[in-house]
Amino acid sequence: MKQMDEAFRKKCISKGGSYLEKRRSIGGVGAGIVAGSAVLLAAAILLFLMLAASGDTDLIVMGAVLAGGIGLFCLAFILLGIVMNKKRRSGYMEYFVKHAGYSREELEAFDREVLLPDTLYSTTDGKLRGNSALACDLVTRNWLSMGIHDPVRVTDVAVAFYADEVAYAGNQWEHVMFVLLSHGQLVHQQCKEEYAMDLIQEIKKRNPGLICARCFKADGKLVDCIKEPKLAARLYCEAMGAL
């Protein structure tokens, strides 16, 4: 994993200094509308140019009317998409409060921690792109944020382990990292073993109570975190509460 650097700030931090804002600004219905309308507008212009090249006056007039109508339609939808995208971006904090389950103050604290020099980040392919804020994994002093899930406190990560091969959700998975959250949600991402182990090691440093295996014993019973995620999460919470 890499320490916070200028490359990450440039690709994954908004102009306002927020990782969460940047993450929320990527994609969405508004962006899709803008992209689709732009493609349709380009097709309309191309159609007009093709008809204009024919030299036939009737075809040119028909092309101008058709392209003009499509163009106005596309411009209207482009403006709609821009408005929707701005609304999505401006409401980013409310979105994460609702979906991540933390207060605004807690998530603002996470956003500040992201910018600290000891924050670590990585991407599964080792490259930073314009949309990497959606795909990167971050470990700050107190938080974990993964491409597969919204930010969580490291103490709310109950289990993290890697498997070369595992049957899960009716499929056979290879090279996969599993993360079980303290409320019982199990998430996973495919990645190389070295990548997963580095990430797990950093989580473990910040959360010594982290369980780093698929199965563990509790009261003499073997608990499988994949088959019994709710039970595994409850046992983790009970153990943490007893500390």
C-alpha atoms as a PDB file:
ATOM      1  CA  MET A   1       0.000   0.000   0.000  1.00  0.00           C
ATOM      2  CA  LYS A   2       1.125   3.554  -0.684  1.00  0.00           C
ATOM      3  CA  GLN A   3       1.148   6.527   1.637  1.00  0.00           C
ATOM      4  CA  MET A   4      -1.015   9.518   0.835  1.00  0.00           C
ATOM      5  CA  ASP A   5       0.627  11.459  -1.997  1.00  0.00           C
ATOM      6  CA  GLU A   6      -0.060  14.155  -4.548  1.00  0.00           C
ATOM      7  CA  ALA A   7      -1.111  11.628  -7.188  1.00  0.00           C
ATOM      8  CA  PHE A   8      -3.943  10.398  -4.967  1.00  0.00           C
ATOM      9  CA  ARG A   9      -5.010  13.934  -4.047  1.00  0.00           C
ATOM     10  CA  LYS A  10      -5.157  14.863  -7.714  1.00  0.00           C
ATOM     11  CA  LYS A  11      -7.240  11.850  -8.801  1.00  0.00           C
ATOM     12  CA  CYS A  12      -9.341  11.047  -5.737  1.00  0.00           C
ATOM     13  CA  ILE A  13      -9.909  14.249  -3.764  1.00  0.00           C
ATOM     14  CA  SER A  14     -12.437  16.908  -4.781  1.00  0.00           C
ATOM     15  CA  LYS A  15     -11.512  20.565  -5.188  1.00  0.00           C
ATOM     16  CA  GLY A  16     -13.174  21.113  -1.833  1.00  0.00           C
ATOM     17  CA  GLY A  17     -10.748  18.666  -0.224  1.00  0.00           C
ATOM     18  CA  SER A  18     -13.174  15.757   0.218  1.00  0.00           C
ATOM     19  CA  TYR A  19     -12.676  12.135  -0.734  1.00  0.00           C
ATOM     20  CA  LEU A  20     -16.346  11.364  -0.115  1.00  0.00           C
ATOM     21  CA  GLU A  21     -17.471  14.197  -2.395  1.00  0.00           C
ATOM     22  CA  LYS A  22     -15.197  12.942  -5.148  1.00  0.00           C
ATOM     23  CA  ARG A  23     -16.455   9.389  -4.708  1.00  0.00           C
ATOM     24  CA  ARG A  24     -20.078  10.474  -4.902  1.00  0.00           C
ATOM     25  CA  SER A  25     -19.473  12.664  -7.968  1.00  0.00           C
ATOM     26  CA  ILE A  26     -18.470   9.683 -10.119  1.00  0.00           C
ATOM     27  CA  GLY A  27     -21.222   8.002 -12.125  1.00  0.00           C
ATOM     28  CA  GLY A  28     -24.911   8.336 -11.347  1.00  0.00           C
ATOM     29  CA  VAL A  29     -28.001   8.821 -13.491  1.00  0.00           C
ATOM     30  CA  GLY A  30     -27.121  12.428 -14.306  1.00  0.00           C
ATOM     31  CA  ALA A  31     -23.718  11.488 -15.693  1.00  0.00           C
ATOM     32  CA  GLY A  32     -25.340   8.716 -17.724  1.00  0.00           C
ATOM     33  CA  ILE A  33     -27.881  11.116 -19.195  1.00  0.00           C
ATOM     34  CA  VAL A  34     -25.140  13.575 -20.162  1.00  0.00           C
ATOM     35  CA  ALA A  35     -23.009  10.856 -21.779  1.00  0.00           C
ATOM     36  CA  GLY A  36     -25.944   9.305 -23.665  1.00  0.00           C
ATOM     37  CA  SER A  37     -27.234  12.667 -24.874  1.00  0.00           C
ATOM     38  CA  ALA A  38     -23.763  13.701 -26.033  1.00  0.00           C
ATOM     39  CA  VAL A  39     -23.457  10.515 -28.110  1.00  0.00           C
ATOM     40  CA  LEU A  40     -26.901  11.073 -29.653  1.00  0.00           C
ATOM     41  CA  LEU A  41     -26.019  14.714 -30.399  1.00  0.00           C
ATOM     42  CA  ALA A  42     -22.802  13.623 -32.115  1.00  0.00           C
ATOM     43  CA  ALA A  43     -24.786  11.099 -34.179  1.00  0.00           C
ATOM     44  CA  ALA A  44     -27.244  13.818 -35.229  1.00  0.00           C
ATOM     45  CA  ILE A  45     -24.418  16.098 -36.362  1.00  0.00           C
ATOM     46  CA  LEU A  46     -22.817  13.235 -38.279  1.00  0.00           C
ATOM     47  CA  LEU A  47     -26.138  12.464 -39.966  1.00  0.00           C
ATOM     48  CA  PHE A  48     -26.516  16.083 -41.052  1.00  0.00           C
ATOM     49  CA  LEU A  49     -22.959  16.155 -42.446  1.00  0.00           C
ATOM     50  CA  MET A  50     -23.592  12.974 -44.423  1.00  0.00           C
ATOM     51  CA  LEU A  51     -26.806  14.393 -45.922  1.00  0.00           C
ATOM     52  CA  ALA A  52     -25.113  17.727 -46.592  1.00  0.00           C
ATOM     53  CA  ALA A  53     -22.355  15.928 -48.491  1.00  0.00           C
ATOM     54  CA  SER A  54     -24.948  14.544 -50.918  1.00  0.00           C
ATOM     55  CA  GLY A  55     -25.546  18.001 -52.390  1.00  0.00           C
ATOM     56  CA  ASP A  56     -29.288  17.348 -52.592  1.00  0.00           C
ATOM     57  CA  THR A  57     -31.159  20.438 -51.294  1.00  0.00           C
ATOM     58  CA  ASP A  58     -34.140  18.461 -50.057  1.00  0.00           C
ATOM     59  CA  LEU A  59     -31.915  16.050 -48.166  1.00  0.00           C
ATOM     60  CA  ILE A  60     -29.925  18.918 -46.679  1.00  0.00           C
ATOM     61  CA  VAL A  61     -33.096  20.658 -45.440  1.00  0.00           C
ATOM     62  CA  MET A  62     -34.463  17.400 -44.069  1.00  0.00           C
ATOM     63  CA  GLY A  63     -31.140  16.708 -42.359  1.00  0.00           C
ATOM     64  CA  ALA A  64     -31.001  20.197 -40.863  1.00  0.00           C
ATOM     65  CA  VAL A  65     -34.533  19.908 -39.458  1.00  0.00           C
ATOM     66  CA  LEU A  66     -33.927  16.408 -38.123  1.00  0.00           C
ATOM     67  CA  ALA A  67     -30.509  17.217 -36.651  1.00  0.00           C
ATOM     68  CA  GLY A  68     -31.839  20.478 -35.185  1.00  0.00           C
ATOM     69  CA  GLY A  69     -34.721  18.709 -33.472  1.00  0.00           C
ATOM     70  CA  ILE A  70     -32.492  15.963 -32.087  1.00  0.00           C
ATOM     71  CA  GLY A  71     -29.909  18.561 -31.068  1.00  0.00           C
ATOM     72  CA  LEU A  72     -32.394  20.605 -29.031  1.00  0.00           C
ATOM     73  CA  PHE A  73     -33.667  17.416 -27.403  1.00  0.00           C
ATOM     74  CA  CYS A  74     -30.116  16.374 -26.518  1.00  0.00           C
ATOM     75  CA  LEU A  75     -29.129  19.804 -25.182  1.00  0.00           C
ATOM     76  CA  ALA A  76     -32.175  19.809 -22.919  1.00  0.00           C
ATOM     77  CA  PHE A  77     -31.247  16.423 -21.524  1.00  0.00           C
ATOM     78  CA  ILE A  78     -27.591  17.413 -21.152  1.00  0.00           C
ATOM     79  CA  LEU A  79     -28.672  20.363 -19.019  1.00  0.00           C
ATOM     80  CA  LEU A  80     -30.961  18.063 -17.015  1.00  0.00           C
ATOM     81  CA  GLY A  81     -28.082  15.650 -16.472  1.00  0.00           C
ATOM     82  CA  ILE A  82     -25.775  18.441 -15.322  1.00  0.00           C
ATOM     83  CA  VAL A  83     -28.378  19.647 -12.795  1.00  0.00           C
ATOM     84  CA  MET A  84     -28.895  16.096 -11.518  1.00  0.00           C
ATOM     85  CA  ASN A  85     -25.157  15.549 -11.205  1.00  0.00           C
ATOM     86  CA  LYS A  86     -24.702  18.798  -9.254  1.00  0.00           C
ATOM     87  CA  LYS A  87     -27.528  17.815  -6.917  1.00  0.00           C
ATOM     88  CA  ARG A  88     -25.976  14.371  -6.413  1.00  0.00           C
ATOM     89  CA  ARG A  89     -22.628  15.921  -5.631  1.00  0.00           C
ATOM     90  CA  SER A  90     -23.934  18.620  -3.285  1.00  0.00           C
ATOM     91  CA  GLY A  91     -25.834  16.024  -1.252  1.00  0.00           C
ATOM     92  CA  TYR A  92     -22.905  13.649  -0.895  1.00  0.00           C
ATOM     93  CA  MET A  93     -22.670  13.856   2.889  1.00  0.00           C
ATOM     94  CA  GLU A  94     -26.386  13.169   3.405  1.00  0.00           C
ATOM     95  CA  TYR A  95     -26.023  10.145   1.141  1.00  0.00           C
ATOM     96  CA  PHE A  96     -23.158   8.654   3.146  1.00  0.00           C
ATOM     97  CA  VAL A  97     -24.848   9.403   6.479  1.00  0.00           C
ATOM     98  CA  LYS A  98     -27.849   7.400   5.250  1.00  0.00           C
ATOM     99  CA  HIS A  99     -25.953   4.498   3.691  1.00  0.00           C
ATOM    100  CA  ALA A 100     -22.840   4.182   5.860  1.00  0.00           C
ATOM    101  CA  GLY A 101     -24.693   4.417   9.155  1.00  0.00           C
ATOM    102  CA  TYR A 102     -22.431   7.010  10.787  1.00  0.00           C
ATOM    103  CA  SER A 103     -23.146  10.578  11.820  1.00  0.00           C
ATOM    104  CA  ARG A 104     -22.133  13.565   9.747  1.00  0.00           C
ATOM    105  CA  GLU A 105     -19.498  14.460  12.340  1.00  0.00           C
ATOM    106  CA  GLU A 106     -17.988  10.968  12.180  1.00  0.00           C
ATOM    107  CA  LEU A 107     -17.830  10.977   8.389  1.00  0.00           C
ATOM    108  CA  GLU A 108     -16.336  14.452   8.347  1.00  0.00           C
ATOM    109  CA  ALA A 109     -13.664  13.121  10.703  1.00  0.00           C
ATOM    110  CA  PHE A 110     -13.019  10.289   8.234  1.00  0.00           C
ATOM    111  CA  ASP A 111     -12.726  12.771   5.378  1.00  0.00           C
ATOM    112  CA  ARG A 112     -10.132  14.748   7.345  1.00  0.00           C
ATOM    113  CA  GLU A 113      -8.169  11.606   8.198  1.00  0.00           C
ATOM    114  CA  VAL A 114      -7.967  10.630   4.533  1.00  0.00           C
ATOM    115  CA  LEU A 115      -5.778  13.674   3.874  1.00  0.00           C
ATOM    116  CA  LEU A 116      -3.276  12.889   6.639  1.00  0.00           C
ATOM    117  CA  PRO A 117       0.181  11.804   5.422  1.00  0.00           C
ATOM    118  CA  ASP A 118      -0.006   8.416   7.191  1.00  0.00           C
ATOM    119  CA  THR A 119      -3.141   7.338   5.287  1.00  0.00           C
ATOM    120  CA  LEU A 120      -2.526   4.313   3.065  1.00  0.00           C
ATOM    121  CA  TYR A 121      -4.219   3.552  -0.234  1.00  0.00           C
ATOM    122  CA  SER A 122      -4.090   0.963  -2.976  1.00  0.00           C
ATOM    123  CA  THR A 123      -5.926  -0.157  -6.100  1.00  0.00           C
ATOM    124  CA  THR A 124      -6.219  -3.768  -7.188  1.00  0.00           C
ATOM    125  CA  ASP A 125      -4.352  -3.083 -10.449  1.00  0.00           C
ATOM    126  CA  GLY A 126      -1.901  -0.607  -8.901  1.00  0.00           C
ATOM    127  CA  LYS A 127      -3.012   2.318 -11.089  1.00  0.00           C
ATOM    128  CA  LEU A 128      -4.789   5.596 -10.336  1.00  0.00           C
ATOM    129  CA  ARG A 129      -7.440   6.826 -12.752  1.00  0.00           C
ATOM    130  CA  GLY A 130     -10.152   9.450 -12.845  1.00  0.00           C
ATOM    131  CA  ASN A 131     -12.630   7.034 -11.287  1.00  0.00           C
ATOM    132  CA  SER A 132     -10.234   5.465  -8.763  1.00  0.00           C
ATOM    133  CA  ALA A 133     -12.063   7.064  -5.829  1.00  0.00           C
ATOM    134  CA  LEU A 134     -14.732   4.422  -6.459  1.00  0.00           C
ATOM    135  CA  ALA A 135     -12.296   1.535  -6.720  1.00  0.00           C
ATOM    136  CA  CYS A 136      -9.475   2.167  -4.267  1.00  0.00           C
ATOM    137  CA  ASP A 137      -9.031   0.776  -0.763  1.00  0.00           C
ATOM    138  CA  LEU A 138      -8.101   3.225   1.994  1.00  0.00           C
ATOM    139  CA  VAL A 139      -6.844   2.693   5.532  1.00  0.00           C
ATOM    140  CA  THR A 140      -6.658   5.761   7.766  1.00  0.00           C
ATOM    141  CA  ARG A 141      -5.859   5.905  11.479  1.00  0.00           C
ATOM    142  CA  ASN A 142      -9.369   4.831  12.453  1.00  0.00           C
ATOM    143  CA  TRP A 143     -11.208   3.971   9.248  1.00  0.00           C
ATOM    144  CA  LEU A 144     -11.335   1.514   6.384  1.00  0.00           C
ATOM    145  CA  SER A 145     -12.871   2.423   3.036  1.00  0.00           C
ATOM    146  CA  MET A 146     -13.026  -0.111   0.219  1.00  0.00           C
ATOM    147  CA  GLY A 147     -14.219   0.027  -3.346  1.00  0.00           C
ATOM    148  CA  ILE A 148     -16.772  -2.632  -2.394  1.00  0.00           C
ATOM    149  CA  HIS A 149     -18.181  -0.748   0.609  1.00  0.00           C
ATOM    150  CA  ASP A 150     -18.669   2.657   2.209  1.00  0.00           C
ATOM    151  CA  PRO A 151     -16.282   3.756   4.997  1.00  0.00           C
ATOM    152  CA  VAL A 152     -16.370   1.799   8.250  1.00  0.00           C
ATOM    153  CA  ARG A 153     -14.460   2.183  11.479  1.00  0.00           C
ATOM    154  CA  VAL A 154     -11.679  -0.394  11.680  1.00  0.00           C
ATOM    155  CA  THR A 155     -13.182  -1.582  14.963  1.00  0.00           C
ATOM    156  CA  ASP A 156     -16.382  -2.355  13.038  1.00  0.00           C
ATOM    157  CA  VAL A 157     -14.487  -4.836  10.863  1.00  0.00           C
ATOM    158  CA  ALA A 158     -14.966  -8.202  12.547  1.00  0.00           C
ATOM    159  CA  VAL A 159     -13.276 -10.578  10.097  1.00  0.00           C
ATOM    160  CA  ALA A 160     -10.953 -10.232   7.110  1.00  0.00           C
ATOM    161  CA  PHE A 161      -9.365 -13.163   5.290  1.00  0.00           C
ATOM    162  CA  TYR A 162      -8.150 -14.269   1.870  1.00  0.00           C
ATOM    163  CA  ALA A 163      -8.984 -17.495   0.035  1.00  0.00           C
ATOM    164  CA  ASP A 164      -7.407 -18.931  -3.111  1.00  0.00           C
ATOM    165  CA  GLU A 165     -10.621 -20.790  -3.870  1.00  0.00           C
ATOM    166  CA  VAL A 166     -14.000 -20.799  -2.147  1.00  0.00           C
ATOM    167  CA  ALA A 167     -17.645 -21.608  -2.875  1.00  0.00           C
ATOM    168  CA  TYR A 168     -19.840 -18.622  -2.018  1.00  0.00           C
ATOM    169  CA  ALA A 169     -23.330 -17.435  -3.000  1.00  0.00           C
ATOM    170  CA  GLY A 170     -23.769 -20.301  -5.436  1.00  0.00           C
ATOM    171  CA  ASN A 171     -20.514 -19.567  -7.270  1.00  0.00           C
ATOM    172  CA  GLN A 172     -16.945 -20.809  -7.167  1.00  0.00           C
ATOM    173  CA  TRP A 173     -14.609 -17.895  -6.486  1.00  0.00           C
ATOM    174  CA  GLU A 174     -10.851 -17.705  -6.940  1.00  0.00           C
ATOM    175  CA  HIS A 175      -8.417 -15.228  -5.363  1.00  0.00           C
ATOM    176  CA  VAL A 176     -10.925 -13.434  -3.171  1.00  0.00           C
ATOM    177  CA  MET A 177     -10.756 -11.352  -0.011  1.00  0.00           C
ATOM    178  CA  PHE A 178     -13.704 -11.438   2.390  1.00  0.00           C
ATOM    179  CA  VAL A 179     -14.578  -8.755   4.920  1.00  0.00           C
ATOM    180  CA  LEU A 180     -17.246  -9.327   7.564  1.00  0.00           C
ATOM    181  CA  LEU A 181     -18.604  -6.213   9.274  1.00  0.00           C
ATOM    182  CA  SER A 182     -19.716  -6.126  12.884  1.00  0.00           C
ATOM    183  CA  HIS A 183     -23.407  -5.926  11.923  1.00  0.00           C
ATOM    184  CA  GLY A 184     -23.133  -9.163   9.955  1.00  0.00           C
ATOM    185  CA  GLN A 185     -22.730  -7.979   6.358  1.00  0.00           C
ATOM    186  CA  LEU A 186     -20.215 -10.019   4.370  1.00  0.00           C
ATOM    187  CA  VAL A 187     -18.549  -8.374   1.365  1.00  0.00           C
ATOM    188  CA  HIS A 188     -15.833  -9.610  -0.948  1.00  0.00           C
ATOM    189  CA  GLN A 189     -13.518  -8.545  -3.739  1.00  0.00           C
ATOM    190  CA  GLN A 190     -11.244 -10.453  -6.082  1.00  0.00           C
ATOM    191  CA  CYS A 191      -7.581  -9.547  -5.773  1.00  0.00           C
ATOM    192  CA  LYS A 192      -4.113 -11.041  -5.530  1.00  0.00           C
ATOM    193  CA  GLU A 193      -3.078 -12.703  -2.273  1.00  0.00           C
ATOM    194  CA  GLU A 194      -0.254 -10.231  -1.642  1.00  0.00           C
ATOM    195  CA  TYR A 195      -2.650  -7.315  -2.061  1.00  0.00           C
ATOM    196  CA  ALA A 196      -5.188  -8.827   0.337  1.00  0.00           C
ATOM    197  CA  MET A 197      -2.610  -9.737   2.977  1.00  0.00           C
ATOM    198  CA  ASP A 198      -1.131  -6.231   2.951  1.00  0.00           C
ATOM    199  CA  LEU A 199      -4.582  -4.737   3.463  1.00  0.00           C
ATOM    200  CA  ILE A 200      -5.490  -7.214   6.197  1.00  0.00           C
ATOM    201  CA  GLN A 201      -2.214  -6.528   7.980  1.00  0.00           C
ATOM    202  CA  GLU A 202      -2.923  -2.787   8.053  1.00  0.00           C
ATOM    203  CA  ILE A 203      -6.440  -3.362   9.398  1.00  0.00           C
ATOM    204  CA  LYS A 204      -5.033  -5.679  12.073  1.00  0.00           C
ATOM    205  CA  LYS A 205      -2.568  -2.997  13.202  1.00  0.00           C
ATOM    206  CA  ARG A 206      -5.466  -0.659  13.900  1.00  0.00           C
ATOM    207  CA  ASN A 207      -7.860  -3.310  15.184  1.00  0.00           C
ATOM    208  CA  PRO A 208      -6.026  -5.981  17.218  1.00  0.00           C
ATOM    209  CA  GLY A 209      -9.338  -7.794  17.761  1.00  0.00           C
ATOM    210  CA  LEU A 210      -9.724  -8.512  14.035  1.00  0.00           C
ATOM    211  CA  ILE A 211     -10.305 -12.188  13.183  1.00  0.00           C
ATOM    212  CA  CYS A 212      -8.092 -13.124  10.247  1.00  0.00           C
ATOM    213  CA  ALA A 213      -9.465 -16.541   9.356  1.00  0.00           C
ATOM    214  CA  ARG A 214     -12.593 -17.937   7.768  1.00  0.00           C
ATOM    215  CA  CYS A 215     -13.256 -20.247  10.729  1.00  0.00           C
ATOM    216  CA  PHE A 216     -12.640 -19.846  14.455  1.00  0.00           C
ATOM    217  CA  LYS A 217     -13.641 -21.670  17.624  1.00  0.00           C
ATOM    218  CA  ALA A 218     -16.039 -20.237  20.199  1.00  0.00           C
ATOM    219  CA  ASP A 219     -17.197 -22.247  23.212  1.00  0.00           C
ATOM    220  CA  GLY A 220     -15.830 -25.361  21.576  1.00  0.00           C
ATOM    221  CA  LYS A 221     -17.827 -24.829  18.377  1.00  0.00           C
ATOM    222  CA  LEU A 222     -16.278 -24.113  15.006  1.00  0.00           C
ATOM    223  CA  VAL A 223     -17.824 -21.000  13.463  1.00  0.00           C
ATOM    224  CA  ASP A 224     -17.651 -20.521   9.681  1.00  0.00           C
ATOM    225  CA  CYS A 225     -17.718 -16.800   8.820  1.00  0.00           C
ATOM    226  CA  ILE A 226     -19.074 -17.469   5.336  1.00  0.00           C
ATOM    227  CA  LYS A 227     -21.822 -19.867   6.359  1.00  0.00           C
ATOM    228  CA  GLU A 228     -22.674 -18.109   9.654  1.00  0.00           C
ATOM    229  CA  PRO A 229     -21.788 -14.414   9.214  1.00  0.00           C
ATOM    230  CA  LYS A 230     -24.385 -13.122  11.685  1.00  0.00           C
ATOM    231  CA  LEU A 231     -23.174 -15.469  14.409  1.00  0.00           C
ATOM    232  CA  ALA A 232     -19.518 -14.680  13.720  1.00  0.00           C
ATOM    233  CA  ALA A 233     -20.222 -10.947  13.863  1.00  0.00           C
ATOM    234  CA  ARG A 234     -22.177 -11.282  17.112  1.00  0.00           C
ATOM    235  CA  LEU A 235     -19.380 -13.263  18.762  1.00  0.00           C
ATOM    236  CA  TYR A 236     -16.868 -10.631  17.652  1.00  0.00           C
ATOM    237  CA  CYS A 237     -18.987  -7.842  19.142  1.00  0.00           C
ATOM    238  CA  GLU A 238     -19.374  -9.756  22.397  1.00  0.00           C
ATOM    239  CA  ALA A 239     -15.615 -10.297  22.582  1.00  0.00           C
ATOM    240  CA  MET A 240     -14.892  -6.622  21.860  1.00  0.00           C
ATOM    241  CA  GLY A 241     -17.464  -5.549  24.426  1.00  0.00           C
ATOM    242  CA  ALA A 242     -15.799  -7.719  27.051  1.00  0.00           C
ATOM    243  CA  LEU A 243     -12.437  -5.995  26.607  1.00  0.00           C
END
